[in-house]
Amino acid sequence: MSHLKQLESFVAVSLKGSLTAVALAEGVAPAVIGRRIDALEERLGVKLLVRTTRRITLTHEGSAFLEDCQRILTDLASAEASVSAGGVKASGHLRITAPAGFGRRHVAPLVPGFVAAHPDVSISLNLSDRVVDIVNEGFDCAIRVGDLPDSSLVSVRLADNRRLCVATPAYLQRAGVPETPADLMKHACLTLSSDASQTRGWAFQVDGEVTHLRPSGPLDCSDGQVLHDWCVQGLGIAWRSTWEVEGDLAAGRLQVVLERYAAPPNGIYAVFPQRKHLPLRVRLWIDFIKHSYGEAAYWSAASARARNAGD
């Protein structure tokens, strides 16, 4: 039995939640799909799915394995498309969405270069801090920063993302420097409002475990750039990504607090719907942006631009 077929069946069953639905789409009996899953679990020596008469759920190991399988199958499809596409040029309309602040700094500036390389592709870029439903709203690709709650979408990790607590020296002199994450409850914290995408709160690493806090304060906003501006004005402590505040840190406008409790980096991802044949324009866009973020010179140049903009 093909190992690849086992992986494909595992991903399909995980996403559809039904052996019967996968079997129907493939034109085989449900027992065939079940035997593939059984063989995969036996080969790995772990239980990936819990199957009952009413539902199928992923085990902890299954959830972790699903993400790796999706990435492997996506990479394989891209490799095959690179060969089979040959000299075919990308064309058509590409709809992309990204968080507002990150999109302004690190997505929009890359669009002209991509269009110059692929002139037959047109692009619509949507910038929003809400979590856009890319399937129902018709987007080809989303750039997302941080945790990915929706496993029905395929993701490609583009770069690491680190978040830190920052404040102005003037604010810290006035209000004091927090020594532990619990001290944030006594501070004016600048937080995203509940309709924005940061649903789990601020992440910290305490005693080797990542924990989430929901600090509060007199000001919140659904726009991350506004929170950044308020922070630079000395109105409180904000939990922001390094790509956003590194220029302010270098210039001394902001300083880091609680750095020893900073959570490990999460990711910056390209996210797209599960498709058997990814359109060439989407694949090329993901390759383009991943290559750009993979260059160390890109982030140093972006940091310099941010520092100069603040000056």
Protein backbone atom coordinates (compact mmCIF):
# COMPACT_ATOMS: atom_id res chain seq x y z
CA MET A 1 0.00 0.00 0.00
CA SER A 2 1.35 3.43 -0.95
CA HIS A 3 2.54 5.47 2.00
CA LEU A 4 1.56 8.61 0.10
CA LYS A 5 -1.98 7.29 -0.37
CA GLN A 6 -2.21 6.67 3.37
CA LEU A 7 -1.19 10.27 4.08
CA GLU A 8 -3.65 11.62 1.52
CA SER A 9 -6.48 9.57 3.02
CA PHE A 10 -5.57 10.65 6.57
CA VAL A 11 -5.64 14.34 5.60
CA ALA A 12 -8.91 13.96 3.70
CA VAL A 13 -10.65 12.13 6.55
CA SER A 14 -9.33 14.65 9.10
CA LEU A 15 -10.70 17.58 7.11
CA LYS A 16 -14.02 16.01 6.09
CA GLY A 17 -14.60 14.15 9.35
CA SER A 18 -16.04 11.16 7.50
CA LEU A 19 -14.72 7.97 5.95
CA THR A 20 -17.82 7.73 3.79
CA ALA A 21 -17.42 11.22 2.33
CA VAL A 22 -13.79 10.56 1.42
CA ALA A 23 -14.64 7.16 -0.06
CA LEU A 24 -17.48 8.66 -2.12
CA ALA A 25 -15.20 11.38 -3.52
CA GLU A 26 -12.60 8.75 -4.45
CA GLY A 27 -15.06 6.19 -5.76
CA VAL A 28 -14.08 3.38 -3.38
CA ALA A 29 -15.71 1.60 -0.45
CA PRO A 30 -15.37 3.22 3.01
CA ALA A 31 -13.60 0.07 4.17
CA VAL A 32 -10.75 0.85 1.77
CA ILE A 33 -10.20 4.26 3.38
CA GLY A 34 -10.44 2.66 6.82
CA ARG A 35 -7.76 0.09 5.97
CA ARG A 36 -5.42 2.88 4.82
CA ILE A 37 -5.84 4.71 8.13
CA ASP A 38 -5.34 1.46 10.08
CA ALA A 39 -2.17 0.70 8.14
CA LEU A 40 -0.83 4.22 8.72
CA GLU A 41 -1.48 4.05 12.48
CA GLU A 42 0.10 0.58 12.68
CA ARG A 43 3.17 1.76 10.77
CA LEU A 44 3.59 4.82 13.00
CA GLY A 45 2.67 3.03 16.21
CA VAL A 46 0.30 5.79 17.35
CA LYS A 47 -3.43 6.45 17.28
CA LEU A 48 -4.21 9.35 14.96
CA LEU A 49 -8.01 9.28 14.85
CA VAL A 50 -10.71 8.30 17.31
CA ARG A 51 -13.57 6.79 15.30
CA THR A 52 -17.08 6.22 16.63
CA THR A 53 -20.35 5.58 14.83
CA ARG A 54 -21.21 9.27 15.07
CA ARG A 55 -17.98 11.20 14.61
CA ILE A 56 -14.26 11.15 13.90
CA THR A 57 -11.88 13.25 15.99
CA LEU A 58 -8.14 13.78 15.94
CA THR A 59 -5.95 12.67 18.82
CA HIS A 60 -3.24 15.03 20.09
CA GLU A 61 -0.69 13.16 17.95
CA GLY A 62 -3.08 13.25 15.00
CA SER A 63 -3.45 17.04 15.19
CA ALA A 64 0.31 17.54 15.15
CA PHE A 65 0.77 14.99 12.35
CA LEU A 66 -1.98 16.62 10.25
CA GLU A 67 -0.11 19.91 9.98
CA ASP A 68 3.06 18.12 8.84
CA CYS A 69 1.11 16.03 6.31
CA GLN A 70 -0.58 19.10 4.84
CA ARG A 71 2.78 20.78 4.40
CA ILE A 72 4.31 17.67 2.79
CA LEU A 73 1.44 17.25 0.34
CA THR A 74 1.50 20.94 -0.53
CA ASP A 75 5.25 20.87 -1.15
CA LEU A 76 4.85 17.77 -3.32
CA ALA A 77 2.07 19.40 -5.36
CA SER A 78 4.23 22.50 -5.83
CA ALA A 79 7.19 20.41 -6.97
CA GLU A 80 5.04 18.57 -9.50
CA ALA A 81 3.52 21.81 -10.72
CA SER A 82 6.98 23.32 -11.19
CA VAL A 83 7.83 20.52 -13.59
CA SER A 84 4.50 20.19 -15.37
CA ALA A 85 3.93 23.94 -15.73
CA GLY A 86 7.04 24.29 -17.86
CA GLY A 87 6.88 27.56 -19.69
CA VAL A 88 3.26 28.31 -18.80
CA LYS A 89 2.86 31.85 -17.51
CA ALA A 90 0.81 32.71 -14.45
CA SER A 91 -2.29 34.72 -15.22
CA GLY A 92 -5.64 35.69 -13.74
CA HIS A 93 -6.75 37.56 -10.63
CA LEU A 94 -5.20 36.95 -7.20
CA ARG A 95 -7.13 37.95 -4.08
CA ILE A 96 -4.94 38.28 -0.96
CA THR A 97 -5.79 39.32 2.59
CA ALA A 98 -3.42 40.22 5.43
CA PRO A 99 -3.47 41.93 8.86
CA ALA A 100 -3.61 45.69 8.42
CA GLY A 101 -0.34 46.71 10.06
CA PHE A 102 1.73 43.79 8.83
CA GLY A 103 0.16 44.06 5.40
CA ARG A 104 1.09 47.70 5.03
CA ARG A 105 4.72 47.07 5.97
CA HIS A 106 5.47 43.60 4.67
CA VAL A 107 2.91 42.55 2.07
CA ALA A 108 1.97 45.66 0.08
CA PRO A 109 5.63 46.61 -0.62
CA LEU A 110 6.21 43.18 -2.22
CA VAL A 111 3.22 43.35 -4.59
CA PRO A 112 4.85 45.61 -7.23
CA GLY A 113 7.83 43.27 -7.55
CA PHE A 114 5.58 40.25 -7.98
CA VAL A 115 3.42 41.97 -10.60
CA ALA A 116 6.53 43.10 -12.46
CA ALA A 117 7.69 39.47 -12.63
CA HIS A 118 4.20 38.21 -13.58
CA PRO A 119 2.50 40.98 -15.60
CA ASP A 120 -0.48 38.81 -16.55
CA VAL A 121 -1.55 38.56 -12.88
CA SER A 122 -3.76 41.23 -11.29
CA ILE A 123 -4.00 41.55 -7.51
CA SER A 124 -6.59 42.70 -4.97
CA LEU A 125 -5.10 43.21 -1.50
CA ASN A 126 -7.42 43.35 1.51
CA LEU A 127 -5.97 44.62 4.79
CA SER A 128 -7.98 43.85 7.91
CA ASP A 129 -7.30 42.92 11.52
CA ARG A 130 -10.30 40.59 11.67
CA VAL A 131 -9.86 36.91 10.77
CA VAL A 132 -11.18 36.81 7.21
CA ASP A 133 -13.08 33.70 6.12
CA ILE A 134 -11.06 33.15 2.97
CA VAL A 135 -13.21 30.28 1.70
CA ASN A 136 -16.60 31.96 1.96
CA GLU A 137 -15.28 35.39 1.05
CA GLY A 138 -13.44 34.17 -2.04
CA PHE A 139 -9.80 34.87 -1.20
CA ASP A 140 -6.99 32.84 -2.73
CA CYS A 141 -4.49 33.36 0.07
CA ALA A 142 -4.23 34.95 3.51
CA ILE A 143 -1.09 36.08 5.29
CA ARG A 144 -1.55 35.43 9.00
CA VAL A 145 0.60 36.20 12.01
CA GLY A 146 0.48 33.98 15.10
CA ASP A 147 -1.63 30.96 15.98
CA LEU A 148 -3.68 29.22 13.30
CA PRO A 149 -6.96 28.00 14.79
CA ASP A 150 -8.50 26.68 11.56
CA SER A 151 -7.02 23.30 10.59
CA SER A 152 -9.27 22.98 7.53
CA LEU A 153 -6.93 25.39 5.73
CA VAL A 154 -3.48 24.58 4.40
CA SER A 155 -0.62 26.68 5.75
CA VAL A 156 2.97 27.38 4.75
CA ARG A 157 5.27 28.90 7.36
CA LEU A 158 6.99 31.95 5.90
CA ALA A 159 9.02 33.28 8.84
CA ASP A 160 9.20 33.42 12.63
CA ASN A 161 7.34 36.07 14.59
CA ARG A 162 8.20 37.20 18.11
CA ARG A 163 6.06 39.37 20.37
CA LEU A 164 7.25 41.49 23.27
CA CYS A 165 5.80 43.81 25.89
CA VAL A 166 6.95 47.38 25.25
CA ALA A 167 6.39 50.85 26.70
CA THR A 168 8.01 54.25 26.60
CA PRO A 169 10.71 55.10 29.17
CA ALA A 170 8.46 57.96 30.37
CA TYR A 171 5.54 55.63 31.07
CA LEU A 172 7.73 53.15 32.94
CA GLN A 173 9.27 55.92 35.03
CA ARG A 174 5.78 57.16 35.91
CA ALA A 175 4.01 53.80 36.46
CA GLY A 176 6.88 51.50 37.39
CA VAL A 177 8.39 48.50 35.60
CA PRO A 178 6.42 45.22 35.82
CA GLU A 179 8.53 42.39 37.21
CA THR A 180 6.20 39.48 36.37
CA PRO A 181 3.31 39.04 33.92
CA ALA A 182 0.88 39.21 36.88
CA ASP A 183 2.04 42.79 37.48
CA LEU A 184 0.38 43.81 34.21
CA MET A 185 -2.96 43.78 35.99
CA LYS A 186 -1.82 46.96 37.78
CA HIS A 187 -0.83 48.72 34.54
CA ALA A 188 -2.58 50.51 31.69
CA CYS A 189 -2.40 47.82 29.00
CA LEU A 190 -3.24 48.68 25.40
CA THR A 191 -5.18 45.73 24.02
CA LEU A 192 -6.95 44.67 20.88
CA SER A 193 -10.73 44.86 21.18
CA SER A 194 -12.72 41.64 21.29
CA ASP A 195 -13.70 41.76 17.60
CA ALA A 196 -10.06 41.65 16.47
CA SER A 197 -8.03 38.52 15.77
CA GLN A 198 -5.95 38.27 18.98
CA THR A 199 -8.45 36.04 20.77
CA ARG A 200 -6.26 34.22 23.28
CA GLY A 201 -4.65 37.20 24.97
CA TRP A 202 -0.97 37.90 25.59
CA ALA A 203 1.38 34.89 25.69
CA PHE A 204 4.16 34.42 28.24
CA GLN A 205 6.47 31.59 29.21
CA VAL A 206 6.29 30.93 32.93
CA ASP A 207 8.14 27.98 34.51
CA GLY A 208 8.67 26.45 31.09
CA GLU A 209 4.98 26.60 30.15
CA VAL A 210 3.28 29.03 27.78
CA THR A 211 0.38 30.79 29.49
CA HIS A 212 -2.06 33.40 28.22
CA LEU A 213 -3.21 36.50 30.09
CA ARG A 214 -5.94 38.99 29.27
CA PRO A 215 -4.71 42.28 30.75
CA SER A 216 -6.93 45.32 30.51
CA GLY A 217 -6.70 49.07 30.57
CA PRO A 218 -8.57 52.25 29.78
CA LEU A 219 -7.94 51.97 26.03
CA ASP A 220 -8.47 49.21 23.46
CA CYS A 221 -8.78 49.28 19.69
CA SER A 222 -9.40 46.88 16.80
CA ASP A 223 -6.48 48.40 14.84
CA GLY A 224 -2.99 47.33 15.85
CA GLN A 225 -1.40 50.47 14.39
CA VAL A 226 -3.46 52.64 16.72
CA LEU A 227 -2.26 50.59 19.70
CA HIS A 228 1.30 51.06 18.50
CA ASP A 229 0.81 54.83 18.19
CA TRP A 230 -0.77 55.05 21.65
CA CYS A 231 2.14 53.10 23.09
CA VAL A 232 4.70 55.46 21.53
CA GLN A 233 2.71 58.35 23.03
CA GLY A 234 3.30 56.86 26.48
CA LEU A 235 -0.28 55.81 27.20
CA GLY A 236 0.54 52.31 28.43
CA ILE A 237 2.13 48.91 27.80
CA ALA A 238 1.48 47.09 24.54
CA TRP A 239 2.21 43.54 23.38
CA ARG A 240 3.52 43.99 19.86
CA SER A 241 5.49 42.07 17.24
CA THR A 242 9.18 42.81 16.75
CA TRP A 243 8.58 43.64 13.07
CA GLU A 244 6.41 46.52 14.26
CA VAL A 245 8.48 47.98 17.10
CA GLU A 246 12.10 47.17 16.25
CA GLY A 247 12.64 50.66 14.81
CA ASP A 248 11.26 52.24 17.99
CA LEU A 249 13.43 49.98 20.16
CA ALA A 250 16.56 50.86 18.19
CA ALA A 251 15.77 54.57 18.45
CA GLY A 252 15.00 54.38 22.20
CA ARG A 253 11.38 55.47 21.83
CA LEU A 254 10.27 52.16 23.38
CA GLN A 255 11.91 49.63 25.66
CA VAL A 256 11.16 45.97 26.35
CA VAL A 257 9.72 44.77 29.65
CA LEU A 258 9.21 41.20 30.88
CA GLU A 259 11.63 39.97 28.22
CA ARG A 260 12.64 36.92 30.26
CA TYR A 261 8.99 35.80 30.15
CA ALA A 262 8.65 36.25 26.39
CA ALA A 263 6.97 33.28 24.73
CA PRO A 264 8.82 31.36 22.00
CA PRO A 265 8.31 32.73 18.48
CA ASN A 266 5.18 31.75 16.65
CA GLY A 267 4.90 32.02 12.88
CA ILE A 268 4.01 34.16 9.91
CA TYR A 269 2.01 31.96 7.52
CA ALA A 270 0.52 31.88 4.07
CA VAL A 271 -2.87 30.19 4.38
CA PHE A 272 -5.04 28.93 1.54
CA PRO A 273 -7.99 26.56 1.02
CA GLN A 274 -7.40 22.86 0.53
CA ARG A 275 -7.19 22.29 -3.22
CA LYS A 276 -5.97 19.42 -5.32
CA HIS A 277 -4.46 21.71 -7.94
CA LEU A 278 -3.29 25.04 -6.56
CA PRO A 279 -3.48 27.77 -9.23
CA LEU A 280 -0.05 28.68 -10.55
CA ARG A 281 -0.47 32.35 -9.62
CA VAL A 282 -1.14 31.37 -5.97
CA ARG A 283 1.80 29.00 -5.80
CA LEU A 284 4.14 31.58 -7.33
CA TRP A 285 2.94 34.27 -4.93
CA ILE A 286 3.60 32.04 -1.91
CA ASP A 287 7.04 31.11 -3.25
CA PHE A 288 7.80 34.80 -3.91
CA ILE A 289 6.86 36.04 -0.46
CA LYS A 290 8.52 33.10 1.31
CA HIS A 291 11.76 33.75 -0.59
CA SER A 292 11.58 37.47 0.29
CA TYR A 293 11.08 36.80 4.01
CA GLY A 294 13.83 34.19 3.92
CA GLU A 295 16.44 36.81 3.03
CA ALA A 296 18.11 38.29 6.11
CA ALA A 297 18.68 41.51 4.17
CA TYR A 298 14.92 41.95 3.81
CA TRP A 299 14.28 42.27 7.56
CA SER A 300 17.29 44.50 8.19
CA ALA A 301 16.15 46.82 5.39
CA ALA A 302 12.60 46.82 6.78
CA SER A 303 13.94 47.69 10.22
CA ALA A 304 15.90 50.61 8.78
CA ARG A 305 12.80 51.88 6.98
CA ALA A 306 10.76 51.70 10.17
CA ARG A 307 13.47 53.51 12.14
CA ASN A 308 13.75 56.27 9.54
CA ALA A 309 9.97 56.62 9.35
CA GLY A 310 9.83 57.16 13.11
CA ASP A 311 12.58 59.78 12.95
